[in-house]
Amino acid sequence: MTAKKIATATPDTIDDPVSRFEGSLSELEAIVARMERGDLPLEESLSLFERGMGLTKVCRTSLETAELRVRNLLDADDSAPPSSR
């Protein structure tokens, strides 16, 4: 039996951070669901685990980027004169 691909496009190559996060999270959820069934050969489980760890890193980076954007927006709002708020 050969390993099935979860997705043909890799979320980590998408330019839009929101789409990258959503694509990575969706693929990660699919990997978790497959692994939770418990019927995969060891080699395929290891391969999926490695991919999942990479997707986790992509998700974490995307969330950190989003958090930074929110902080920058809040900081810009705090520094604006009261009449322009």
PDB file of N, CA and C in Angstrom:
ATOM      1  N   MET A   1       0.842  -1.173   0.000  1.00  0.00           N
ATOM      2  CA  MET A   1       0.000   0.000   0.000  1.00  0.00           C
ATOM      3  C   MET A   1       0.886   1.235   0.000  1.00  0.00           C
ATOM      4  N   THR A   2       0.546   2.223  -0.829  1.00  0.00           N
ATOM      5  CA  THR A   2       1.345   3.440  -0.902  1.00  0.00           C
ATOM      6  C   THR A   2       0.692   4.547  -0.091  1.00  0.00           C
ATOM      7  N   ALA A   3       1.523   5.470   0.347  1.00  0.00           N
ATOM      8  CA  ALA A   3       1.030   6.590   1.156  1.00  0.00           C
ATOM      9  C   ALA A   3       0.236   7.542   0.273  1.00  0.00           C
ATOM     10  N   LYS A   4      -0.909   7.966   0.750  1.00  0.00           N
ATOM     11  CA  LYS A   4      -1.726   8.930   0.030  1.00  0.00           C
ATOM     12  C   LYS A   4      -1.284  10.336   0.401  1.00  0.00           C
ATOM     13  N   LYS A   5      -1.314  11.223  -0.569  1.00  0.00           N
ATOM     14  CA  LYS A   5      -1.014  12.622  -0.315  1.00  0.00           C
ATOM     15  C   LYS A   5      -2.250  13.282   0.281  1.00  0.00           C
ATOM     16  N   ILE A   6      -2.028  14.128   1.270  1.00  0.00           N
ATOM     17  CA  ILE A   6      -3.128  14.855   1.900  1.00  0.00           C
ATOM     18  C   ILE A   6      -3.598  15.989   0.986  1.00  0.00           C
ATOM     19  N   ALA A   7      -2.662  16.765   0.465  1.00  0.00           N
ATOM     20  CA  ALA A   7      -2.998  17.892  -0.391  1.00  0.00           C
ATOM     21  C   ALA A   7      -1.914  18.045  -1.443  1.00  0.00           C
ATOM     22  N   THR A   8      -2.297  18.529  -2.623  1.00  0.00           N
ATOM     23  CA  THR A   8      -1.311  18.693  -3.686  1.00  0.00           C
ATOM     24  C   THR A   8      -0.568  20.020  -3.546  1.00  0.00           C
ATOM     25  N   ALA A   9      -1.232  21.058  -3.079  1.00  0.00           N
ATOM     26  CA  ALA A   9      -0.568  22.340  -2.858  1.00  0.00           C
ATOM     27  C   ALA A   9      -0.065  22.386  -1.426  1.00  0.00           C
ATOM     28  N   THR A  10       1.118  22.906  -1.247  1.00  0.00           N
ATOM     29  CA  THR A  10       1.648  23.005   0.102  1.00  0.00           C
ATOM     30  C   THR A  10       1.309  24.363   0.684  1.00  0.00           C
ATOM     31  N   PRO A  11       0.654  24.375   1.836  1.00  0.00           N
ATOM     32  CA  PRO A  11       0.253  25.639   2.443  1.00  0.00           C
ATOM     33  C   PRO A  11       1.421  26.563   2.757  1.00  0.00           C
ATOM     34  N   ASP A  12       2.595  26.005   2.983  1.00  0.00           N
ATOM     35  CA  ASP A  12       3.735  26.844   3.338  1.00  0.00           C
ATOM     36  C   ASP A  12       4.293  27.617   2.143  1.00  0.00           C
ATOM     37  N   THR A  13       3.756  27.408   0.929  1.00  0.00           N
ATOM     38  CA  THR A  13       4.203  28.166  -0.236  1.00  0.00           C
ATOM     39  C   THR A  13       3.210  29.253  -0.621  1.00  0.00           C
ATOM     40  N   ILE A  14       2.098  29.364   0.102  1.00  0.00           N
ATOM     41  CA  ILE A  14       1.089  30.380  -0.170  1.00  0.00           C
ATOM     42  C   ILE A  14       1.561  31.704   0.422  1.00  0.00           C
ATOM     43  N   ASP A  15       1.391  32.797  -0.338  1.00  0.00           N
ATOM     44  CA  ASP A  15       1.881  34.104   0.104  1.00  0.00           C
ATOM     45  C   ASP A  15       1.011  34.749   1.172  1.00  0.00           C
ATOM     46  N   ASP A  16      -0.300  34.608   1.082  1.00  0.00           N
ATOM     47  CA  ASP A  16      -1.222  35.233   2.025  1.00  0.00           C
ATOM     48  C   ASP A  16      -1.164  34.513   3.374  1.00  0.00           C
ATOM     49  N   PRO A  17      -0.797  35.225   4.461  1.00  0.00           N
ATOM     50  CA  PRO A  17      -0.651  34.569   5.767  1.00  0.00           C
ATOM     51  C   PRO A  17      -1.931  33.898   6.269  1.00  0.00           C
ATOM     52  N   VAL A  18      -3.087  34.513   6.001  1.00  0.00           N
ATOM     53  CA  VAL A  18      -4.345  33.929   6.456  1.00  0.00           C
ATOM     54  C   VAL A  18      -4.621  32.632   5.704  1.00  0.00           C
ATOM     55  N   SER A  19      -4.448  32.653   4.398  1.00  0.00           N
ATOM     56  CA  SER A  19      -4.658  31.442   3.600  1.00  0.00           C
ATOM     57  C   SER A  19      -3.647  30.360   3.963  1.00  0.00           C
ATOM     58  N   ARG A  20      -2.408  30.787   4.226  1.00  0.00           N
ATOM     59  CA  ARG A  20      -1.369  29.835   4.619  1.00  0.00           C
ATOM     60  C   ARG A  20      -1.758  29.154   5.929  1.00  0.00           C
ATOM     61  N   PHE A  21      -2.226  29.937   6.898  1.00  0.00           N
ATOM     62  CA  PHE A  21      -2.643  29.373   8.180  1.00  0.00           C
ATOM     63  C   PHE A  21      -3.817  28.419   7.990  1.00  0.00           C
ATOM     64  N   GLU A  22      -4.836  28.873   7.283  1.00  0.00           N
ATOM     65  CA  GLU A  22      -6.034  28.047   7.101  1.00  0.00           C
ATOM     66  C   GLU A  22      -5.723  26.766   6.341  1.00  0.00           C
ATOM     67  N   GLY A  23      -4.891  26.859   5.313  1.00  0.00           N
ATOM     68  CA  GLY A  23      -4.515  25.670   4.556  1.00  0.00           C
ATOM     69  C   GLY A  23      -3.699  24.700   5.399  1.00  0.00           C
ATOM     70  N   SER A  24      -2.769  25.239   6.172  1.00  0.00           N
ATOM     71  CA  SER A  24      -1.930  24.398   7.033  1.00  0.00           C
ATOM     72  C   SER A  24      -2.763  23.726   8.112  1.00  0.00           C
ATOM     73  N   LEU A  25      -3.661  24.488   8.720  1.00  0.00           N
ATOM     74  CA  LEU A  25      -4.510  23.934   9.767  1.00  0.00           C
ATOM     75  C   LEU A  25      -5.425  22.851   9.217  1.00  0.00           C
ATOM     76  N   SER A  26      -5.974  23.071   8.046  1.00  0.00           N
ATOM     77  CA  SER A  26      -6.846  22.078   7.420  1.00  0.00           C
ATOM     78  C   SER A  26      -6.082  20.781   7.129  1.00  0.00           C
ATOM     79  N   GLU A  27      -4.882  20.921   6.582  1.00  0.00           N
ATOM     80  CA  GLU A  27      -4.070  19.737   6.297  1.00  0.00           C
ATOM     81  C   GLU A  27      -3.668  19.034   7.587  1.00  0.00           C
ATOM     82  N   LEU A  28      -3.324  19.806   8.611  1.00  0.00           N
ATOM     83  CA  LEU A  28      -2.953  19.232   9.904  1.00  0.00           C
ATOM     84  C   LEU A  28      -4.119  18.453  10.514  1.00  0.00           C
ATOM     85  N   GLU A  29      -5.320  19.000  10.427  1.00  0.00           N
ATOM     86  CA  GLU A  29      -6.503  18.295  10.937  1.00  0.00           C
ATOM     87  C   GLU A  29      -6.724  16.974  10.207  1.00  0.00           C
ATOM     88  N   ALA A  30      -6.504  16.981   8.887  1.00  0.00           N
ATOM     89  CA  ALA A  30      -6.659  15.752   8.106  1.00  0.00           C
ATOM     90  C   ALA A  30      -5.613  14.713   8.522  1.00  0.00           C
ATOM     91  N   ILE A  31      -4.397  15.157   8.770  1.00  0.00           N
ATOM     92  CA  ILE A  31      -3.333  14.253   9.210  1.00  0.00           C
ATOM     93  C   ILE A  31      -3.685  13.645  10.565  1.00  0.00           C
ATOM     94  N   VAL A  32      -4.137  14.485  11.493  1.00  0.00           N
ATOM     95  CA  VAL A  32      -4.503  13.999  12.830  1.00  0.00           C
ATOM     96  C   VAL A  32      -5.620  12.967  12.719  1.00  0.00           C
ATOM     97  N   ALA A  33      -6.617  13.240  11.904  1.00  0.00           N
ATOM     98  CA  ALA A  33      -7.733  12.301  11.741  1.00  0.00           C
ATOM     99  C   ALA A  33      -7.240  10.955  11.205  1.00  0.00           C
ATOM    100  N   ARG A  34      -6.349  10.997  10.218  1.00  0.00           N
ATOM    101  CA  ARG A  34      -5.813   9.747   9.665  1.00  0.00           C
ATOM    102  C   ARG A  34      -5.010   8.988  10.714  1.00  0.00           C
ATOM    103  N   MET A  35      -4.196   9.712  11.481  1.00  0.00           N
ATOM    104  CA  MET A  35      -3.352   9.035  12.464  1.00  0.00           C
ATOM    105  C   MET A  35      -4.171   8.495  13.631  1.00  0.00           C
ATOM    106  N   GLU A  36      -5.245   9.184  13.991  1.00  0.00           N
ATOM    107  CA  GLU A  36      -6.078   8.729  15.106  1.00  0.00           C
ATOM    108  C   GLU A  36      -6.799   7.422  14.803  1.00  0.00           C
ATOM    109  N   ARG A  37      -7.001   7.124  13.543  1.00  0.00           N
ATOM    110  CA  ARG A  37      -7.639   5.839  13.175  1.00  0.00           C
ATOM    111  C   ARG A  37      -6.766   4.666  13.622  1.00  0.00           C
ATOM    112  N   GLY A  38      -5.453   4.874  13.622  1.00  0.00           N
ATOM    113  CA  GLY A  38      -4.539   3.849  14.113  1.00  0.00           C
ATOM    114  C   GLY A  38      -4.281   2.691  13.171  1.00  0.00           C
ATOM    115  N   ASP A  39      -4.634   2.841  11.902  1.00  0.00           N
ATOM    116  CA  ASP A  39      -4.462   1.729  10.970  1.00  0.00           C
ATOM    117  C   ASP A  39      -3.348   1.945   9.944  1.00  0.00           C
ATOM    118  N   LEU A  40      -2.492   2.931  10.194  1.00  0.00           N
ATOM    119  CA  LEU A  40      -1.424   3.240   9.248  1.00  0.00           C
ATOM    120  C   LEU A  40      -0.160   2.449   9.574  1.00  0.00           C
ATOM    121  N   PRO A  41       0.586   2.069   8.546  1.00  0.00           N
ATOM    122  CA  PRO A  41       1.885   1.449   8.790  1.00  0.00           C
ATOM    123  C   PRO A  41       2.819   2.445   9.483  1.00  0.00           C
ATOM    124  N   LEU A  42       3.776   1.930  10.201  1.00  0.00           N
ATOM    125  CA  LEU A  42       4.688   2.764  10.977  1.00  0.00           C
ATOM    126  C   LEU A  42       5.379   3.817  10.120  1.00  0.00           C
ATOM    127  N   GLU A  43       5.898   3.439   8.972  1.00  0.00           N
ATOM    128  CA  GLU A  43       6.621   4.381   8.120  1.00  0.00           C
ATOM    129  C   GLU A  43       5.719   5.528   7.676  1.00  0.00           C
ATOM    130  N   GLU A  44       4.485   5.222   7.321  1.00  0.00           N
ATOM    131  CA  GLU A  44       3.547   6.273   6.909  1.00  0.00           C
ATOM    132  C   GLU A  44       3.188   7.165   8.103  1.00  0.00           C
ATOM    133  N   SER A  45       3.031   6.571   9.268  1.00  0.00           N
ATOM    134  CA  SER A  45       2.748   7.349  10.479  1.00  0.00           C
ATOM    135  C   SER A  45       3.890   8.317  10.771  1.00  0.00           C
ATOM    136  N   LEU A  46       5.112   7.851  10.649  1.00  0.00           N
ATOM    137  CA  LEU A  46       6.276   8.714  10.886  1.00  0.00           C
ATOM    138  C   LEU A  46       6.335   9.854   9.868  1.00  0.00           C
ATOM    139  N   SER A  47       6.052   9.523   8.622  1.00  0.00           N
ATOM    140  CA  SER A  47       6.067  10.531   7.572  1.00  0.00           C
ATOM    141  C   SER A  47       4.992  11.590   7.830  1.00  0.00           C
ATOM    142  N   LEU A  48       3.801  11.149   8.201  1.00  0.00           N
ATOM    143  CA  LEU A  48       2.722  12.082   8.501  1.00  0.00           C
ATOM    144  C   LEU A  48       3.039  12.910   9.748  1.00  0.00           C
ATOM    145  N   PHE A  49       3.665  12.289  10.720  1.00  0.00           N
ATOM    146  CA  PHE A  49       4.046  13.017  11.936  1.00  0.00           C
ATOM    147  C   PHE A  49       5.034  14.132  11.594  1.00  0.00           C
ATOM    148  N   GLU A  50       6.014  13.816  10.757  1.00  0.00           N
ATOM    149  CA  GLU A  50       6.988  14.835  10.347  1.00  0.00           C
ATOM    150  C   GLU A  50       6.300  15.982   9.617  1.00  0.00           C
ATOM    151  N   ARG A  51       5.394  15.649   8.708  1.00  0.00           N
ATOM    152  CA  ARG A  51       4.659  16.680   7.971  1.00  0.00           C
ATOM    153  C   ARG A  51       3.829  17.521   8.949  1.00  0.00           C
ATOM    154  N   GLY A  52       3.197  16.860   9.901  1.00  0.00           N
ATOM    155  CA  GLY A  52       2.393  17.560  10.896  1.00  0.00           C
ATOM    156  C   GLY A  52       3.219  18.528  11.724  1.00  0.00           C
ATOM    157  N   MET A  53       4.419  18.130  12.084  1.00  0.00           N
ATOM    158  CA  MET A  53       5.296  19.022  12.849  1.00  0.00           C
ATOM    159  C   MET A  53       5.653  20.261  12.014  1.00  0.00           C
ATOM    160  N   GLY A  54       5.910  20.059  10.740  1.00  0.00           N
ATOM    161  CA  GLY A  54       6.193  21.193   9.853  1.00  0.00           C
ATOM    162  C   GLY A  54       4.995  22.124   9.729  1.00  0.00           C
ATOM    163  N   LEU A  55       3.807  21.544   9.613  1.00  0.00           N
ATOM    164  CA  LEU A  55       2.588  22.352   9.520  1.00  0.00           C
ATOM    165  C   LEU A  55       2.335  23.119  10.814  1.00  0.00           C
ATOM    166  N   THR A  56       2.651  22.499  11.940  1.00  0.00           N
ATOM    167  CA  THR A  56       2.502  23.175  13.229  1.00  0.00           C
ATOM    168  C   THR A  56       3.383  24.418  13.273  1.00  0.00           C
ATOM    169  N   LYS A  57       4.582  24.302  12.751  1.00  0.00           N
ATOM    170  CA  LYS A  57       5.498  25.440  12.714  1.00  0.00           C
ATOM    171  C   LYS A  57       4.947  26.548  11.814  1.00  0.00           C
ATOM    172  N   VAL A  58       4.388  26.169  10.667  1.00  0.00           N
ATOM    173  CA  VAL A  58       3.794  27.153   9.758  1.00  0.00           C
ATOM    174  C   VAL A  58       2.632  27.868  10.449  1.00  0.00           C
ATOM    175  N   CYS A  59       1.777  27.114  11.133  1.00  0.00           N
ATOM    176  CA  CYS A  59       0.643  27.707  11.853  1.00  0.00           C
ATOM    177  C   CYS A  59       1.123  28.663  12.942  1.00  0.00           C
ATOM    178  N   ARG A  60       2.112  28.233  13.689  1.00  0.00           N
ATOM    179  CA  ARG A  60       2.645  29.075  14.770  1.00  0.00           C
ATOM    180  C   ARG A  60       3.207  30.381  14.206  1.00  0.00           C
ATOM    181  N   THR A  61       3.962  30.293  13.135  1.00  0.00           N
ATOM    182  CA  THR A  61       4.540  31.481  12.511  1.00  0.00           C
ATOM    183  C   THR A  61       3.446  32.410  11.991  1.00  0.00           C
ATOM    184  N   SER A  62       2.428  31.834  11.376  1.00  0.00           N
ATOM    185  CA  SER A  62       1.313  32.648  10.870  1.00  0.00           C
ATOM    186  C   SER A  62       0.594  33.362  12.007  1.00  0.00           C
ATOM    187  N   LEU A  63       0.377  32.660  13.110  1.00  0.00           N
ATOM    188  CA  LEU A  63      -0.286  33.279  14.257  1.00  0.00           C
ATOM    189  C   LEU A  63       0.574  34.387  14.868  1.00  0.00           C
ATOM    190  N   GLU A  64       1.871  34.170  14.930  1.00  0.00           N
ATOM    191  CA  GLU A  64       2.772  35.203  15.451  1.00  0.00           C
ATOM    192  C   GLU A  64       2.744  36.437  14.558  1.00  0.00           C
ATOM    193  N   THR A  65       2.683  36.233  13.247  1.00  0.00           N
ATOM    194  CA  THR A  65       2.600  37.344  12.303  1.00  0.00           C
ATOM    195  C   THR A  65       1.296  38.108  12.495  1.00  0.00           C
ATOM    196  N   ALA A  66       0.202  37.384  12.664  1.00  0.00           N
ATOM    197  CA  ALA A  66      -1.097  38.028  12.883  1.00  0.00           C
ATOM    198  C   ALA A  66      -1.095  38.810  14.190  1.00  0.00           C
ATOM    199  N   GLU A  67      -0.507  38.238  15.228  1.00  0.00           N
ATOM    200  CA  GLU A  67      -0.427  38.927  16.518  1.00  0.00           C
ATOM    201  C   GLU A  67       0.372  40.220  16.399  1.00  0.00           C
ATOM    202  N   LEU A  68       1.459  40.178  15.654  1.00  0.00           N
ATOM    203  CA  LEU A  68       2.275  41.371  15.443  1.00  0.00           C
ATOM    204  C   LEU A  68       1.483  42.439  14.697  1.00  0.00           C
ATOM    205  N   ARG A  69       0.716  42.036  13.695  1.00  0.00           N
ATOM    206  CA  ARG A  69      -0.112  42.991  12.956  1.00  0.00           C
ATOM    207  C   ARG A  69      -1.126  43.655  13.880  1.00  0.00           C
ATOM    208  N   VAL A  70      -1.757  42.870  14.747  1.00  0.00           N
ATOM    209  CA  VAL A  70      -2.735  43.420  15.691  1.00  0.00           C
ATOM    210  C   VAL A  70      -2.057  44.395  16.640  1.00  0.00           C
ATOM    211  N   ARG A  71      -0.900  44.011  17.163  1.00  0.00           N
ATOM    212  CA  ARG A  71      -0.165  44.912  18.065  1.00  0.00           C
ATOM    213  C   ARG A  71       0.188  46.222  17.374  1.00  0.00           C
ATOM    214  N   ASN A  72       0.650  46.134  16.132  1.00  0.00           N
ATOM    215  CA  ASN A  72       0.999  47.337  15.385  1.00  0.00           C
ATOM    216  C   ASN A  72      -0.218  48.231  15.181  1.00  0.00           C
ATOM    217  N   LEU A  73      -1.354  47.628  14.891  1.00  0.00           N
ATOM    218  CA  LEU A  73      -2.579  48.415  14.729  1.00  0.00           C
ATOM    219  C   LEU A  73      -2.981  49.087  16.042  1.00  0.00           C
ATOM    220  N   LEU A  74      -2.887  48.352  17.127  1.00  0.00           N
ATOM    221  CA  LEU A  74      -3.233  48.911  18.434  1.00  0.00           C
ATOM    222  C   LEU A  74      -2.259  50.015  18.832  1.00  0.00           C
ATOM    223  N   ASP A  75      -0.979  49.799  18.569  1.00  0.00           N
ATOM    224  CA  ASP A  75       0.022  50.823  18.873  1.00  0.00           C
ATOM    225  C   ASP A  75      -0.219  52.086  18.042  1.00  0.00           C
ATOM    226  N   ALA A  76      -0.567  51.910  16.780  1.00  0.00           N
ATOM    227  CA  ALA A  76      -0.830  53.064  15.911  1.00  0.00           C
ATOM    228  C   ALA A  76      -2.052  53.814  16.408  1.00  0.00           C
ATOM    229  N   ASP A  77      -3.058  53.089  16.877  1.00  0.00           N
ATOM    230  CA  ASP A  77      -4.260  53.725  17.395  1.00  0.00           C
ATOM    231  C   ASP A  77      -3.951  54.477  18.698  1.00  0.00           C
ATOM    232  N   ASP A  78      -3.105  53.904  19.534  1.00  0.00           N
ATOM    233  CA  ASP A  78      -2.733  54.559  20.795  1.00  0.00           C
ATOM    234  C   ASP A  78      -1.939  55.840  20.567  1.00  0.00           C
ATOM    235  N   SER A  79      -1.167  55.880  19.482  1.00  0.00           N
ATOM    236  CA  SER A  79      -0.331  57.047  19.240  1.00  0.00           C
ATOM    237  C   SER A  79      -1.048  58.130  18.420  1.00  0.00           C
ATOM    238  N   ALA A  80      -2.245  57.825  17.923  1.00  0.00           N
ATOM    239  CA  ALA A  80      -3.002  58.814  17.151  1.00  0.00           C
ATOM    240  C   ALA A  80      -3.555  59.887  18.086  1.00  0.00           C
ATOM    241  N   PRO A  81      -3.624  61.111  17.606  1.00  0.00           N
ATOM    242  CA  PRO A  81      -4.206  62.172  18.428  1.00  0.00           C
ATOM    243  C   PRO A  81      -5.661  61.852  18.754  1.00  0.00           C
ATOM    244  N   PRO A  82      -6.157  62.243  19.927  1.00  0.00           N
ATOM    245  CA  PRO A  82      -7.526  61.920  20.332  1.00  0.00           C
ATOM    246  C   PRO A  82      -8.590  62.370  19.340  1.00  0.00           C
ATOM    247  N   SER A  83      -8.360  63.454  18.627  1.00  0.00           N
ATOM    248  CA  SER A  83      -9.369  63.942  17.691  1.00  0.00           C
ATOM    249  C   SER A  83      -9.519  63.054  16.455  1.00  0.00           C
ATOM    250  N   SER A  84      -8.502  62.230  16.159  1.00  0.00           N
ATOM    251  CA  SER A  84      -8.578  61.387  14.955  1.00  0.00           C
ATOM    252  C   SER A  84      -9.029  59.974  15.252  1.00  0.00           C
ATOM    253  N   ARG A  85      -9.333  59.656  16.491  1.00  0.00           N
ATOM    254  CA  ARG A  85      -9.769  58.299  16.863  1.00  0.00           C
ATOM    255  C   ARG A  85     -11.223  58.092  16.619  1.00  0.00           C
TER     256      ARG A  85
END
